[in-house]
Amino acid sequence: MTAPRRMNLVAYLKTGPTANHPGAWRHPDSDLDDIFAPERYEHLARVLEHGCIDAGFYADTFGLPDIHGGNFNAYLRYGGQITYLDPLMILPIMARVTKYLGLGATLSTTFMNPYWLARTLASLDMLTGGRAAWNVVTSATNLEARNFGMDGIPPKDLRYERADEVLEACIALWECWDEDAFVMDRESGVFIDPKKVRYANFEGRYVKTRGPLTIPRSPQTRPVFLQAGASDRGREFAARWAEMIFCTPNSKADAIAFHDDIKSRMTKYGRPPEHCKVLPSFAMVVGETASIAEEKHQYLQSLIDPEAQLMLNSSLLGADLSKARTKEAMVAAQGNQGITGSVDRVLQVMEQEGISFEKAASKPRDLLVGTPKVIADQLEDWFLAGACDGFIIWPTVFPRMFEDFCKLVVPELQRRGIFRKEYRGRTLRENLLNP
């Protein structure tokens, strides 16, 4: 008998109180006084694992966004989506209080050296017992490039060409050690069998590394790859490498088209479709009744300053929306910047709602609003329609939204048989493949 298809669920995280909703930090239930306290992240990890969530990953931008208005004033004043702590310092804290929850970091192939990447991620996978994930980004802003000594961000195709090589180099480094290299025989005096360790000797057009790592083969050998590229080149990269895809389609039809495109591209790389989980992202407002949920929603949305929403979208689209008020002006201002998935979503809103680019680019993201049953209905509808393999859940009010989701919505999904009641594997990759 074939096992029922079950969805995967992943949490989108920030080391700060703001994610994609620029007003949620102003809500009275949003915790602000513990941003730098380990207990904040321990509590989050416990909440997610209690809800049997596959993983939590930290989204990251390697700099303070200053696209909107040509400076970082708005991002600071309105509490933008800022990384206040390096997630690599937070993930081991979360690992200490969990056994199964996958833990992911965002790291850039454009700026970072393969040896450092491989060493860091192998350490995380080793310390977590095989629960590490890497959100592989090529980065999308000049501000980040300048922080790493570059004049600006390279063209997208060039960034992905380098990314392919960086992943190839990292894999070569992760495979330098055989699984049985450790001997640790006191009597013979042999600690590690040197025949079981080799050089990587990887040399490409953009990167090269000799190796080997000083770190032995980790439980997963390599971390789970998460990726969010939506351009044609980004989708090709995902089809080759990604095991999870973070996407932001505006409608179910958009999601189905994206899902089917990714799965069809995987065949040329000899990958079965179930080896890549396509995960649209949502946030939600849960209420005991529909009217309570709507009241909560209206209050939450009232906390968004229009300028705050505009500065957030300026960063995502890679153009100053205080000046670029048409699609053509945005394209002219972008250069090599901008996240294709975010641009696509704005254009989808523009077309499907019949509104101007300026209005679409200033709109907040839609939220799922309703009772636990209504929220579960919407997630189930997308899942069973073939629009996705599960979802990435991003926070509004932190930590309340994650608490509500895990306590109220997850049990409803479990009752329907479309989400796990317990973890089956020990590694993140095992749980992704056997949800």
Protein backbone atom coordinates (compact mmCIF):
# COMPACT_ATOMS: atom_id res chain seq x y z
CA MET A 1 0.00 0.00 0.00
CA THR A 2 1.41 3.40 -0.97
CA ALA A 3 2.10 5.73 1.94
CA PRO A 4 0.03 8.94 1.93
CA ARG A 5 1.75 12.01 0.53
CA ARG A 6 2.66 14.41 3.31
CA MET A 7 3.84 17.99 3.16
CA ASN A 8 7.11 19.46 4.38
CA LEU A 9 7.11 22.58 6.55
CA VAL A 10 10.08 24.92 7.03
CA ALA A 11 10.35 28.11 9.11
CA TYR A 12 11.84 31.33 7.72
CA LEU A 13 13.79 33.03 10.50
CA LYS A 14 15.62 36.27 11.27
CA THR A 15 17.86 37.25 14.17
CA GLY A 16 15.65 40.24 14.80
CA PRO A 17 11.96 41.10 15.19
CA THR A 18 11.21 41.91 11.53
CA ALA A 19 10.85 39.52 8.60
CA ASN A 20 8.68 40.33 5.58
CA HIS A 21 6.05 42.28 7.55
CA PRO A 22 7.56 45.70 8.32
CA GLY A 23 5.03 46.60 11.02
CA ALA A 24 4.85 43.41 13.09
CA TRP A 25 7.59 44.50 15.49
CA ARG A 26 5.24 47.28 16.69
CA HIS A 27 2.62 44.75 17.86
CA PRO A 28 2.37 44.52 21.68
CA ASP A 29 2.87 40.73 21.51
CA SER A 30 6.16 41.06 19.61
CA ASP A 31 9.13 40.34 21.88
CA LEU A 32 11.79 43.03 21.56
CA ASP A 33 13.80 42.87 24.78
CA ASP A 34 15.43 39.47 24.16
CA ILE A 35 16.88 39.83 20.64
CA PHE A 36 20.39 39.23 22.00
CA ALA A 37 19.42 36.56 24.55
CA PRO A 38 20.12 32.86 23.85
CA GLU A 39 16.82 31.97 25.51
CA ARG A 40 14.89 33.60 22.64
CA TYR A 41 16.35 31.16 20.14
CA GLU A 42 16.12 28.15 22.45
CA HIS A 43 12.41 28.80 22.90
CA LEU A 44 11.92 29.15 19.14
CA ALA A 45 13.73 25.85 18.51
CA ARG A 46 11.56 24.01 21.03
CA VAL A 47 8.36 25.45 19.54
CA LEU A 48 9.32 24.37 16.02
CA GLU A 49 10.42 20.89 17.03
CA HIS A 50 7.26 20.36 19.10
CA GLY A 51 5.37 21.13 15.87
CA CYS A 52 7.45 18.53 13.96
CA ILE A 53 8.67 21.25 11.56
CA ASP A 54 11.33 19.98 9.15
CA ALA A 55 13.74 22.86 9.59
CA GLY A 56 14.27 26.50 10.37
CA PHE A 57 16.64 28.56 8.26
CA TYR A 58 17.93 32.07 8.78
CA ALA A 59 17.49 34.42 5.86
CA ASP A 60 20.33 36.92 5.64
CA THR A 61 21.59 40.01 3.86
CA PHE A 62 25.27 40.76 4.31
CA GLY A 63 24.89 44.43 4.99
CA LEU A 64 22.49 47.17 5.99
CA PRO A 65 20.05 47.86 3.11
CA ASP A 66 20.47 51.38 1.74
CA ILE A 67 18.76 51.22 -1.66
CA HIS A 68 15.63 53.14 -0.63
CA GLY A 69 16.35 56.87 -0.67
CA GLY A 70 20.05 56.15 -1.25
CA ASN A 71 20.73 55.60 2.46
CA PHE A 72 19.88 53.30 5.37
CA ASN A 73 17.78 55.86 7.29
CA ALA A 74 14.40 54.30 6.51
CA TYR A 75 15.61 50.76 7.28
CA LEU A 76 16.79 51.85 10.72
CA ARG A 77 13.90 54.18 11.52
CA TYR A 78 11.16 51.73 10.56
CA GLY A 79 12.80 48.58 11.91
CA GLY A 80 13.54 46.85 8.62
CA GLN A 81 14.51 43.24 8.02
CA ILE A 82 17.99 43.38 9.56
CA THR A 83 20.30 40.62 10.79
CA TYR A 84 21.33 41.71 14.28
CA LEU A 85 23.31 38.55 15.08
CA ASP A 86 25.28 36.18 12.87
CA PRO A 87 23.01 33.13 12.48
CA LEU A 88 26.03 30.82 12.59
CA MET A 89 26.34 31.77 16.26
CA ILE A 90 22.65 31.07 16.89
CA LEU A 91 22.24 27.68 15.21
CA PRO A 92 24.40 25.71 17.70
CA ILE A 93 22.32 27.25 20.53
CA MET A 94 19.17 25.92 18.87
CA ALA A 95 20.81 22.56 18.23
CA ARG A 96 21.51 22.05 21.94
CA VAL A 97 17.81 21.99 22.84
CA THR A 98 16.57 19.89 19.89
CA LYS A 99 17.15 16.44 18.38
CA TYR A 100 15.44 16.49 15.00
CA LEU A 101 14.88 20.07 13.81
CA GLY A 102 16.92 20.95 10.72
CA LEU A 103 18.99 24.13 11.05
CA GLY A 104 19.98 26.29 8.11
CA ALA A 105 22.22 29.27 7.41
CA THR A 106 22.31 31.61 4.41
CA LEU A 107 25.79 31.84 2.90
CA SER A 108 26.85 33.42 -0.38
CA THR A 109 28.76 31.68 -3.16
CA THR A 110 29.59 35.09 -4.67
CA PHE A 111 31.57 36.35 -1.69
CA MET A 112 32.72 33.32 0.25
CA ASN A 113 35.56 30.89 -0.33
CA PRO A 114 34.72 27.19 -0.88
CA TYR A 115 37.13 25.97 1.81
CA TRP A 116 35.60 28.26 4.44
CA LEU A 117 32.07 27.32 3.36
CA ALA A 118 32.81 23.59 3.39
CA ARG A 119 34.57 23.75 6.75
CA THR A 120 31.85 25.82 8.42
CA LEU A 121 28.95 23.74 7.12
CA ALA A 122 30.67 20.42 7.86
CA SER A 123 31.19 21.62 11.43
CA LEU A 124 27.51 22.51 11.73
CA ASP A 125 26.43 19.18 10.29
CA MET A 126 28.75 17.35 12.65
CA LEU A 127 27.63 19.23 15.76
CA THR A 128 23.93 18.81 14.93
CA GLY A 129 24.18 15.12 14.10
CA GLY A 130 23.26 15.64 10.45
CA ARG A 131 20.72 18.44 10.61
CA ALA A 132 22.51 21.21 8.70
CA ALA A 133 21.07 23.08 5.72
CA TRP A 134 22.67 25.67 3.48
CA ASN A 135 20.52 28.37 1.91
CA VAL A 136 22.71 28.85 -1.16
CA VAL A 137 22.53 32.44 -2.37
CA THR A 138 24.42 34.27 -5.08
CA SER A 139 23.43 37.58 -3.39
CA ALA A 140 21.58 40.39 -5.11
CA THR A 141 22.74 43.83 -3.96
CA ASN A 142 25.67 46.16 -4.56
CA LEU A 143 25.77 47.01 -0.84
CA GLU A 144 26.72 43.41 -0.04
CA ALA A 145 29.34 43.31 -2.79
CA ARG A 146 30.97 46.49 -1.46
CA ASN A 147 31.19 44.97 2.01
CA PHE A 148 33.32 42.21 0.48
CA GLY A 149 35.65 44.52 -1.43
CA MET A 150 33.88 44.50 -4.79
CA ASP A 151 32.67 47.54 -6.73
CA GLY A 152 29.25 45.99 -7.34
CA ILE A 153 27.37 42.75 -7.72
CA PRO A 154 28.34 40.77 -10.85
CA PRO A 155 25.77 39.87 -13.53
CA LYS A 156 23.34 37.08 -12.58
CA ASP A 157 24.62 34.49 -15.08
CA LEU A 158 28.21 35.01 -13.92
CA ARG A 159 27.12 34.65 -10.29
CA TYR A 160 25.49 31.31 -11.05
CA GLU A 161 28.48 30.07 -13.03
CA ARG A 162 30.64 30.73 -9.98
CA ALA A 163 28.01 29.16 -7.72
CA ASP A 164 28.12 25.92 -9.70
CA GLU A 165 31.88 25.77 -9.21
CA VAL A 166 31.68 26.65 -5.52
CA LEU A 167 29.28 23.77 -4.89
CA GLU A 168 31.43 21.39 -6.92
CA ALA A 169 34.48 22.46 -4.89
CA CYS A 170 32.63 22.11 -1.57
CA ILE A 171 31.45 18.61 -2.47
CA ALA A 172 35.01 17.63 -3.40
CA LEU A 173 36.16 18.86 0.01
CA TRP A 174 33.35 17.11 1.90
CA GLU A 175 34.27 13.84 0.18
CA CYS A 176 38.00 13.99 1.00
CA TRP A 177 37.45 11.74 4.02
CA ASP A 178 36.10 8.19 3.86
CA GLU A 179 33.47 7.34 6.44
CA ASP A 180 35.75 4.82 8.18
CA ALA A 181 38.90 6.97 8.29
CA PHE A 182 38.97 7.08 12.10
CA VAL A 183 40.77 4.11 13.67
CA MET A 184 41.52 5.45 17.17
CA ASP A 185 43.37 2.27 18.16
CA ARG A 186 45.45 2.98 21.25
CA GLU A 187 47.22 -0.37 21.09
CA SER A 188 48.47 -0.01 17.51
CA GLY A 189 49.00 3.72 17.86
CA VAL A 190 46.93 4.54 14.75
CA PHE A 191 44.48 7.41 15.16
CA ILE A 192 43.39 8.00 11.52
CA ASP A 193 44.16 5.82 8.50
CA PRO A 194 45.91 8.22 6.08
CA LYS A 195 44.88 6.03 3.13
CA LYS A 196 41.27 7.07 3.83
CA VAL A 197 41.98 10.81 3.40
CA ARG A 198 42.86 12.53 0.12
CA TYR A 199 43.31 15.94 -1.48
CA ALA A 200 40.41 17.56 -3.30
CA ASN A 201 42.59 19.32 -5.89
CA PHE A 202 39.65 21.18 -7.37
CA GLU A 203 40.42 23.84 -9.94
CA GLY A 204 37.80 25.66 -11.95
CA ARG A 205 37.52 28.93 -13.78
CA TYR A 206 36.47 30.94 -10.72
CA VAL A 207 37.65 29.00 -7.66
CA LYS A 208 40.22 26.44 -6.69
CA THR A 209 41.04 24.61 -3.50
CA ARG A 210 43.47 21.85 -2.58
CA GLY A 211 42.03 20.44 0.62
CA PRO A 212 41.56 18.18 2.41
CA LEU A 213 39.36 19.54 5.18
CA THR A 214 40.52 18.98 8.73
CA ILE A 215 36.96 17.88 9.46
CA PRO A 216 35.97 14.26 8.74
CA ARG A 217 32.95 13.24 6.72
CA SER A 218 29.84 14.52 8.49
CA PRO A 219 26.60 12.54 9.06
CA GLN A 220 24.95 13.86 5.86
CA THR A 221 28.28 14.18 3.97
CA ARG A 222 26.95 17.50 2.73
CA PRO A 223 24.25 19.79 4.13
CA VAL A 224 20.81 19.95 2.56
CA PHE A 225 20.80 22.60 -0.18
CA LEU A 226 18.08 25.25 -0.05
CA GLN A 227 17.79 27.76 -2.88
CA ALA A 228 15.47 30.57 -3.99
CA GLY A 229 16.48 31.55 -7.53
CA ALA A 230 13.50 32.29 -9.78
CA SER A 231 15.26 33.51 -12.94
CA ASP A 232 15.76 31.05 -15.78
CA ARG A 233 19.40 30.57 -14.74
CA GLY A 234 18.37 30.31 -11.09
CA ARG A 235 15.81 27.62 -11.90
CA GLU A 236 18.45 25.66 -13.81
CA PHE A 237 20.76 25.90 -10.81
CA ALA A 238 17.93 24.69 -8.56
CA ALA A 239 17.14 21.77 -10.85
CA ARG A 240 20.75 20.62 -10.56
CA TRP A 241 21.37 21.22 -6.86
CA ALA A 242 18.40 22.24 -4.71
CA GLU A 243 16.71 19.91 -2.23
CA MET A 244 14.37 22.65 -1.03
CA ILE A 245 13.23 25.72 -2.97
CA PHE A 246 11.95 28.89 -1.31
CA CYS A 247 9.54 30.68 -3.68
CA THR A 248 7.00 33.52 -3.50
CA PRO A 249 4.31 33.03 -6.18
CA ASN A 250 1.29 35.31 -5.97
CA SER A 251 -1.36 32.71 -6.84
CA LYS A 252 -1.94 28.97 -6.91
CA ALA A 253 -1.73 28.99 -10.70
CA ASP A 254 1.66 30.75 -10.53
CA ALA A 255 2.82 28.16 -7.99
CA ILE A 256 1.72 25.22 -10.16
CA ALA A 257 3.59 26.64 -13.15
CA PHE A 258 6.76 27.15 -11.10
CA HIS A 259 6.51 23.71 -9.44
CA ASP A 260 6.05 21.91 -12.78
CA ASP A 261 8.88 23.84 -14.42
CA ILE A 262 11.39 22.92 -11.71
CA LYS A 263 10.40 19.25 -11.69
CA SER A 264 10.65 19.00 -15.49
CA ARG A 265 14.15 20.54 -15.47
CA MET A 266 15.41 17.97 -12.95
CA THR A 267 15.23 15.07 -15.39
CA LYS A 268 18.26 16.24 -17.37
CA TYR A 269 20.34 15.95 -14.20
CA GLY A 270 19.07 12.46 -13.44
CA ARG A 271 17.27 13.60 -10.31
CA PRO A 272 13.90 12.17 -9.26
CA PRO A 273 11.31 14.89 -8.64
CA GLU A 274 10.82 13.96 -4.99
CA HIS A 275 14.44 14.94 -4.29
CA CYS A 276 13.56 18.64 -4.51
CA LYS A 277 10.80 20.13 -2.34
CA VAL A 278 9.15 23.22 -3.83
CA LEU A 279 7.96 25.38 -0.92
CA PRO A 280 5.95 28.60 -1.40
CA SER A 281 6.11 30.99 1.55
CA PHE A 282 3.23 32.23 3.67
CA ALA A 283 2.55 34.06 6.92
CA MET A 284 -0.77 33.92 8.69
CA VAL A 285 -3.16 35.39 11.21
CA VAL A 286 -5.02 32.73 13.21
CA GLY A 287 -8.17 33.45 15.19
CA GLU A 288 -10.70 31.42 17.18
CA THR A 289 -13.38 32.66 14.78
CA ALA A 290 -13.29 34.25 11.33
CA SER A 291 -14.26 37.64 12.75
CA ILE A 292 -11.55 37.51 15.43
CA ALA A 293 -8.96 36.55 12.81
CA GLU A 294 -10.04 39.41 10.55
CA GLU A 295 -9.92 41.89 13.44
CA LYS A 296 -6.38 40.71 14.28
CA HIS A 297 -5.44 41.03 10.63
CA GLN A 298 -6.75 44.57 10.29
CA TYR A 299 -4.89 45.67 13.40
CA LEU A 300 -1.65 44.05 12.24
CA GLN A 301 -1.85 45.69 8.82
CA SER A 302 -2.57 49.07 10.43
CA LEU A 303 0.91 48.93 11.98
CA ILE A 304 2.61 49.16 8.57
CA ASP A 305 3.86 52.62 7.72
CA PRO A 306 3.56 52.99 3.90
CA GLU A 307 7.16 54.18 3.74
CA ALA A 308 8.28 51.08 5.63
CA GLN A 309 6.61 48.80 3.11
CA LEU A 310 8.13 50.72 0.23
CA MET A 311 11.64 50.57 1.65
CA LEU A 312 11.29 46.80 2.20
CA ASN A 313 10.22 46.28 -1.41
CA SER A 314 13.00 48.58 -2.65
CA SER A 315 15.51 46.20 -1.11
CA LEU A 316 13.84 43.11 -2.58
CA LEU A 317 13.44 44.56 -6.07
CA GLY A 318 16.87 46.18 -6.13
CA ALA A 319 15.59 49.63 -7.09
CA ASP A 320 14.70 52.76 -5.15
CA LEU A 321 10.89 52.72 -5.32
CA SER A 322 10.69 56.26 -3.98
CA LYS A 323 11.96 57.24 -7.46
CA ALA A 324 11.21 54.25 -9.72
CA ARG A 325 7.41 54.31 -10.07
CA THR A 326 7.03 52.26 -13.26
CA LYS A 327 8.22 48.84 -14.35
CA GLU A 328 10.50 50.46 -16.92
CA ALA A 329 12.02 52.80 -14.34
CA MET A 330 12.61 49.86 -11.99
CA VAL A 331 14.41 47.84 -14.68
CA ALA A 332 16.58 50.84 -15.57
CA ALA A 333 17.51 51.39 -11.92
CA GLN A 334 18.23 47.77 -11.03
CA GLY A 335 21.41 47.09 -12.95
CA ASN A 336 22.50 43.65 -11.71
CA GLN A 337 20.51 43.96 -8.48
CA GLY A 338 17.14 42.56 -7.47
CA ILE A 339 15.57 39.23 -6.49
CA THR A 340 13.77 37.77 -9.49
CA GLY A 341 11.16 35.98 -7.38
CA SER A 342 10.18 39.25 -5.69
CA VAL A 343 10.03 41.07 -9.02
CA ASP A 344 7.88 38.29 -10.48
CA ARG A 345 5.47 38.46 -7.54
CA VAL A 346 4.97 42.22 -7.94
CA LEU A 347 4.35 41.83 -11.67
CA GLN A 348 1.90 39.00 -11.00
CA VAL A 349 0.00 41.23 -8.54
CA MET A 350 0.01 44.04 -11.08
CA GLU A 351 -1.43 41.81 -13.83
CA GLN A 352 -3.89 39.76 -11.76
CA GLU A 353 -5.36 42.72 -9.86
CA GLY A 354 -5.24 45.13 -12.78
CA ILE A 355 -3.36 47.82 -10.87
CA SER A 356 -0.37 50.01 -11.67
CA PHE A 357 3.20 48.98 -10.99
CA GLU A 358 3.45 51.71 -8.35
CA LYS A 359 0.48 50.32 -6.41
CA ALA A 360 1.61 46.71 -6.77
CA ALA A 361 5.14 47.55 -5.60
CA SER A 362 3.82 49.32 -2.49
CA LYS A 363 1.46 46.54 -1.39
CA PRO A 364 2.19 44.37 1.65
CA ARG A 365 2.42 40.62 1.15
CA ASP A 366 -0.91 38.81 1.42
CA LEU A 367 -1.43 36.84 4.63
CA LEU A 368 -3.50 33.72 5.25
CA VAL A 369 -6.28 34.81 7.61
CA GLY A 370 -8.83 32.65 9.44
CA THR A 371 -9.47 29.89 11.92
CA PRO A 372 -7.05 26.94 12.11
CA LYS A 373 -9.43 24.96 9.89
CA VAL A 374 -9.59 27.72 7.26
CA ILE A 375 -5.80 28.10 7.24
CA ALA A 376 -5.38 24.32 6.91
CA ASP A 377 -7.97 24.30 4.09
CA GLN A 378 -5.91 26.77 2.08
CA LEU A 379 -2.62 24.95 2.64
CA GLU A 380 -4.23 21.60 1.80
CA ASP A 381 -5.76 23.03 -1.36
CA TRP A 382 -2.41 24.19 -2.74
CA PHE A 383 -0.70 20.97 -1.66
CA LEU A 384 -3.24 18.58 -3.19
CA ALA A 385 -3.49 20.69 -6.37
CA GLY A 386 0.20 20.02 -7.11
CA ALA A 387 1.26 23.61 -6.49
CA CYS A 388 3.95 22.59 -3.98
CA ASP A 389 5.49 19.93 -1.74
CA GLY A 390 4.88 21.93 1.41
CA PHE A 391 5.44 25.45 2.67
CA ILE A 392 7.89 27.89 4.17
CA ILE A 393 6.27 29.79 7.02
CA TRP A 394 7.59 33.29 7.72
CA PRO A 395 6.76 35.18 10.91
CA THR A 396 4.74 38.30 11.54
CA VAL A 397 4.44 38.76 15.33
CA PHE A 398 7.36 36.90 16.90
CA PRO A 399 7.19 34.39 18.54
CA ARG A 400 3.38 34.36 18.76
CA MET A 401 2.75 33.49 15.12
CA PHE A 402 4.98 30.42 15.22
CA GLU A 403 3.41 29.39 18.53
CA ASP A 404 -0.10 29.73 17.06
CA PHE A 405 0.86 27.85 13.91
CA CYS A 406 2.44 24.92 15.76
CA LYS A 407 -0.28 24.69 18.44
CA LEU A 408 -3.35 25.30 16.28
CA VAL A 409 -2.72 24.75 12.58
CA VAL A 410 -0.25 21.84 12.69
CA PRO A 411 -2.67 19.58 14.65
CA GLU A 412 -5.35 20.29 12.04
CA LEU A 413 -2.96 19.24 9.25
CA GLN A 414 -2.04 16.14 11.24
CA ARG A 415 -5.71 15.17 11.70
CA ARG A 416 -6.07 15.28 7.91
CA GLY A 417 -3.12 12.93 7.47
CA ILE A 418 -1.10 15.36 5.35
CA PHE A 419 1.58 16.21 7.93
CA ARG A 420 3.69 14.02 10.19
CA LYS A 421 2.93 13.38 13.86
CA GLU A 422 6.52 12.44 14.62
CA TYR A 423 9.92 12.54 12.97
CA ARG A 424 10.94 9.36 11.19
CA GLY A 425 14.59 10.11 10.48
CA ARG A 426 17.55 11.45 12.41
CA THR A 427 19.03 13.63 9.68
CA LEU A 428 17.32 16.52 7.95
CA ARG A 429 17.65 14.85 4.55
CA GLU A 430 15.95 11.71 5.85
CA ASN A 431 13.02 13.71 7.21
CA LEU A 432 12.65 15.71 4.01
CA LEU A 433 12.46 12.54 1.93
CA ASN A 434 10.17 10.77 4.42
CA PRO A 435 7.82 13.44 5.76
